[in-house]
Every structure is written in structure tokens, then in C-alpha cells.
Amino acid sequence: MPHARSPRRKKAHADRLDPRQPLIFETRSLASGSIRELRRTAPAPADLGSGLVGIPAGAELDLAVQLEGVSEGVLVTATVSAPLAGECARCLEPFTSATRVQLRELYGYEQDDEDGYCLQDGMLDLEPALRDALVLDLPLAPLCAEDCAGLCAECGVRLADASPSHDHGNPDGTPVPGKGKVR
């Protein structure tokens, strides 16, 4: 009779990190007190965004990572540059930009810390910490330009494209009180 694997063992095997993945870092050879610096580009994981702006899936992330062996685990200090794509909160036009964030996280040896990041078989997965840092850094109301005038409240035309004489008067031709010409 063949020996059947327990479901727990099978799940543990499925959860193992693949060191060939670009956001997985091998730390087994990192002794306490030693530092390793790495530069790497990696494709952005899917769903790195919030609301009107995000990092396109597969876009190139530029990573500068420092791994430092400490008694509790591995201290990761990283700088990440990423492209942004979104929609302006004022005029609704698409725009592109870039962001640069820094993160510093401890990946502990202990697996029972639910709030922190943990090493798994001597490897760390940077994606959860990277996701937290990037998404928290995204603007809630992104703008295509700081001076974006937005849309006309009357007709919806993009004010940057409207003529200097763009105005909405009363049907009798008199100006609307409190509304002058948009410049």
C-alpha cells in the first residue's frame, strides 16, 4: 500500500519560495553582522494600485536592496523606483509619472509573528513589504499637473483645452453671479 502524504505536508511544499523569482532573496549565507547589497530589476506584480493610480502589472521595478544579518533575522533596506499610470482626479485625463519609495523591514526567524514578515527556509519574499510601501505611497487624488484646472462644472469641457473666453452666461446673456470668465 503506497504511503499517502498528509495535506499539511503537501501545503507546506506548495508554499515554498522559488529563489528564481525576482522578488525572492536567498539569505542562508548571510551571517549575523554581514551585509549584502544587490541591484535588480523585476516585473511589477499585478494589482499594485489604489483608486485612480497604480503601477502597471509587469512594469519594470528598479530595486536597490541591502540585506543585513541581525540576531532576530534579516533587516531589509530597499529603494524602489516604479512607473505610475493613472487618471487625473481633476480633469480625468490619463497620465504617466514615476515614484520612488524606501522601505526598511525586519524579516524574522520566528514564524509566529502575525504582524511581521518572516523568513522561509532561508529566503525572504520582498513582494508583501514592497506592495505595502508602494501602495501606501500612492496619491489618493493624483494630478496630471499641479496646476491642472480640471473640468468646467457647467459643460464638462477640460479647462486646459477651453478657449480663454470660455464662459456660461444666463440664457438672457447676463453673466452668472459668482461666475466670471475662466482664465
Protein backbone atom coordinates (compact mmCIF):
# COMPACT_ATOMS: atom_id res chain seq x y z
CA MET A 1 0.00 0.00 0.00
CA PRO A 2 1.54 3.36 -1.04
CA HIS A 3 2.22 5.94 1.61
CA ALA A 4 -0.11 8.94 1.26
CA ARG A 5 1.16 12.46 2.00
CA SER A 6 -0.69 14.38 4.61
CA PRO A 7 -2.48 17.53 3.39
CA ARG A 8 -0.37 19.64 5.76
CA ARG A 9 2.87 18.42 4.23
CA LYS A 10 1.58 18.99 0.71
CA LYS A 11 0.56 22.57 1.58
CA ALA A 12 3.93 23.30 3.14
CA HIS A 13 5.62 22.12 -0.04
CA ALA A 14 3.34 24.30 -2.17
CA ASP A 15 4.13 27.38 -0.04
CA ARG A 16 7.89 27.13 -0.54
CA LEU A 17 9.50 30.17 -2.08
CA ASP A 18 11.11 29.83 -5.51
CA PRO A 19 14.55 31.51 -5.46
CA ARG A 20 14.33 32.03 -9.23
CA GLN A 21 11.54 34.58 -8.76
CA PRO A 22 12.81 38.20 -8.95
CA LEU A 23 11.36 39.35 -5.61
CA ILE A 24 12.69 36.34 -3.65
CA PHE A 25 16.07 36.76 -1.95
CA GLU A 26 18.24 33.94 -0.60
CA THR A 27 19.64 34.74 2.87
CA ARG A 28 21.07 31.41 4.12
CA SER A 29 24.67 32.51 3.56
CA LEU A 30 24.09 35.86 5.30
CA ALA A 31 25.78 35.70 8.70
CA SER A 32 24.80 37.93 11.60
CA GLY A 33 26.59 41.26 11.21
CA SER A 34 27.19 40.85 7.48
CA ILE A 35 25.69 42.99 4.72
CA ARG A 36 24.87 42.16 1.11
CA GLU A 37 23.88 44.83 -1.40
CA LEU A 38 22.00 43.94 -4.57
CA ARG A 39 20.61 45.79 -7.57
CA ARG A 40 17.88 44.13 -9.53
CA THR A 41 15.04 44.88 -11.91
CA ALA A 42 11.83 42.96 -11.53
CA PRO A 43 8.42 42.99 -13.17
CA ALA A 44 5.73 44.62 -11.05
CA PRO A 45 3.19 42.21 -9.59
CA ALA A 46 -0.46 42.68 -10.54
CA ASP A 47 -2.81 44.92 -8.58
CA LEU A 48 -0.32 47.49 -7.30
CA GLY A 49 -2.66 50.43 -7.19
CA SER A 50 -5.36 52.32 -5.43
CA GLY A 51 -8.23 54.20 -6.99
CA LEU A 52 -7.09 56.38 -9.87
CA VAL A 53 -3.39 55.48 -10.00
CA GLY A 54 -1.22 52.39 -9.95
CA ILE A 55 1.87 50.62 -11.19
CA PRO A 56 1.11 48.68 -14.37
CA ALA A 57 1.44 44.91 -13.99
CA GLY A 58 4.72 43.77 -15.48
CA ALA A 59 6.24 47.28 -15.47
CA GLU A 60 9.92 47.36 -14.62
CA LEU A 61 10.73 48.00 -10.95
CA ASP A 62 14.27 49.16 -10.20
CA LEU A 63 15.39 47.75 -6.83
CA ALA A 64 18.39 48.65 -4.70
CA VAL A 65 18.32 46.20 -1.79
CA GLN A 66 20.54 45.87 1.27
CA LEU A 67 20.26 42.68 3.32
CA GLU A 68 21.78 42.83 6.79
CA GLY A 69 22.09 39.79 9.02
CA VAL A 70 20.92 40.61 12.56
CA SER A 71 20.29 38.39 15.56
CA GLU A 72 16.49 38.40 15.02
CA GLY A 73 16.65 37.69 11.27
CA VAL A 74 17.41 39.85 8.23
CA LEU A 75 16.97 43.60 8.09
CA VAL A 76 15.98 44.69 4.58
CA THR A 77 16.53 48.25 3.44
CA ALA A 78 15.38 48.93 -0.11
CA THR A 79 14.78 51.76 -2.53
CA VAL A 80 12.31 51.05 -5.31
CA SER A 81 11.66 53.16 -8.40
CA ALA A 82 8.50 52.41 -10.35
CA PRO A 83 6.46 53.91 -13.18
CA LEU A 84 2.93 55.11 -12.48
CA ALA A 85 -0.08 55.25 -14.76
CA GLY A 86 -3.39 56.73 -13.84
CA GLU A 87 -6.18 59.18 -14.35
CA CYS A 88 -6.08 62.78 -13.15
CA ALA A 89 -8.53 63.40 -10.30
CA ARG A 90 -9.41 66.87 -11.68
CA CYS A 91 -9.60 66.50 -15.46
CA LEU A 92 -9.88 62.69 -15.80
CA GLU A 93 -7.13 62.60 -18.47
CA PRO A 94 -4.71 59.67 -18.44
CA PHE A 95 -1.17 60.45 -17.29
CA THR A 96 2.10 58.72 -16.54
CA SER A 97 4.62 59.52 -13.86
CA ALA A 98 7.08 57.74 -11.58
CA THR A 99 7.53 57.14 -7.89
CA ARG A 100 10.42 56.22 -5.64
CA VAL A 101 9.90 54.72 -2.21
CA GLN A 102 12.15 53.48 0.54
CA LEU A 103 11.35 50.68 2.91
CA ARG A 104 13.01 49.12 5.91
CA GLU A 105 11.63 45.88 7.29
CA LEU A 106 12.81 43.12 9.56
CA TYR A 107 12.23 39.58 8.34
CA GLY A 108 12.32 37.49 11.47
CA TYR A 109 13.29 33.87 12.06
CA GLU A 110 10.15 33.29 14.16
CA GLN A 111 7.06 32.19 12.24
CA ASP A 112 4.54 33.11 14.95
CA ASP A 113 4.65 36.89 14.46
CA GLU A 114 1.41 37.59 12.57
CA ASP A 115 2.15 41.30 12.06
CA GLY A 116 5.68 40.99 10.73
CA TYR A 117 7.49 39.43 7.81
CA CYS A 118 9.18 36.05 8.19
CA LEU A 119 12.00 34.19 6.55
CA GLN A 120 11.03 30.89 4.95
CA ASP A 121 13.73 28.25 4.56
CA GLY A 122 16.43 30.93 4.49
CA MET A 123 14.66 33.02 1.87
CA LEU A 124 12.57 36.17 2.01
CA ASP A 125 9.77 37.33 -0.22
CA LEU A 126 10.04 41.09 -0.74
CA GLU A 127 6.66 41.37 -2.52
CA PRO A 128 4.41 41.89 0.56
CA ALA A 129 6.65 44.63 2.03
CA LEU A 130 7.13 46.17 -1.40
CA ARG A 131 3.37 46.13 -2.02
CA ASP A 132 2.71 47.81 1.36
CA ALA A 133 5.31 50.54 0.75
CA LEU A 134 4.29 51.31 -2.83
CA VAL A 135 0.52 51.29 -2.39
CA LEU A 136 0.69 53.42 0.77
CA ASP A 137 2.82 55.96 -1.12
CA LEU A 138 0.35 56.42 -4.00
CA PRO A 139 -1.62 59.68 -4.03
CA LEU A 140 -5.34 59.43 -3.29
CA ALA A 141 -6.09 62.23 -5.78
CA PRO A 142 -3.37 62.08 -8.45
CA LEU A 143 -2.94 65.07 -10.76
CA CYS A 144 -1.63 65.24 -14.32
CA ALA A 145 -0.05 68.59 -13.34
CA GLU A 146 -0.03 70.62 -10.11
CA ASP A 147 -1.83 73.46 -11.86
CA CYS A 148 -4.50 71.29 -13.54
CA ALA A 149 -7.65 73.39 -13.79
CA GLY A 150 -9.96 70.38 -14.05
CA LEU A 151 -13.29 70.31 -15.86
CA CYS A 152 -15.90 73.03 -16.38
CA ALA A 153 -18.69 72.48 -13.88
CA GLU A 154 -21.28 73.59 -16.44
CA CYS A 155 -20.36 71.69 -19.62
CA GLY A 156 -17.61 69.26 -18.58
CA VAL A 157 -15.00 70.52 -21.05
CA ARG A 158 -11.42 70.17 -19.92
CA LEU A 159 -10.48 73.71 -18.89
CA ALA A 160 -6.91 73.35 -20.17
CA ASP A 161 -8.39 72.80 -23.64
CA ALA A 162 -11.08 75.52 -23.38
CA SER A 163 -10.67 78.89 -25.03
CA PRO A 164 -9.77 81.87 -22.83
CA SER A 165 -13.27 83.23 -23.39
CA HIS A 166 -14.97 80.03 -22.17
CA ASP A 167 -17.97 81.25 -20.16
CA HIS A 168 -21.51 80.19 -19.37
CA GLY A 169 -23.92 83.08 -19.01
CA ASN A 170 -27.64 83.12 -18.31
CA PRO A 171 -29.94 82.48 -21.27
CA ASP A 172 -30.54 86.26 -21.46
CA GLY A 173 -26.80 86.83 -21.92
CA THR A 174 -26.08 88.24 -18.46
CA PRO A 175 -23.20 86.70 -16.52
CA VAL A 176 -24.00 84.10 -13.87
CA PRO A 177 -23.48 85.68 -10.40
CA GLY A 178 -20.23 84.49 -8.85
CA LYS A 179 -19.00 83.00 -12.12
CA GLY A 180 -16.63 85.03 -14.16
CA LYS A 181 -14.66 84.03 -17.13
CA VAL A 182 -12.24 81.16 -16.59
CA ARG A 183 -8.72 82.15 -17.45
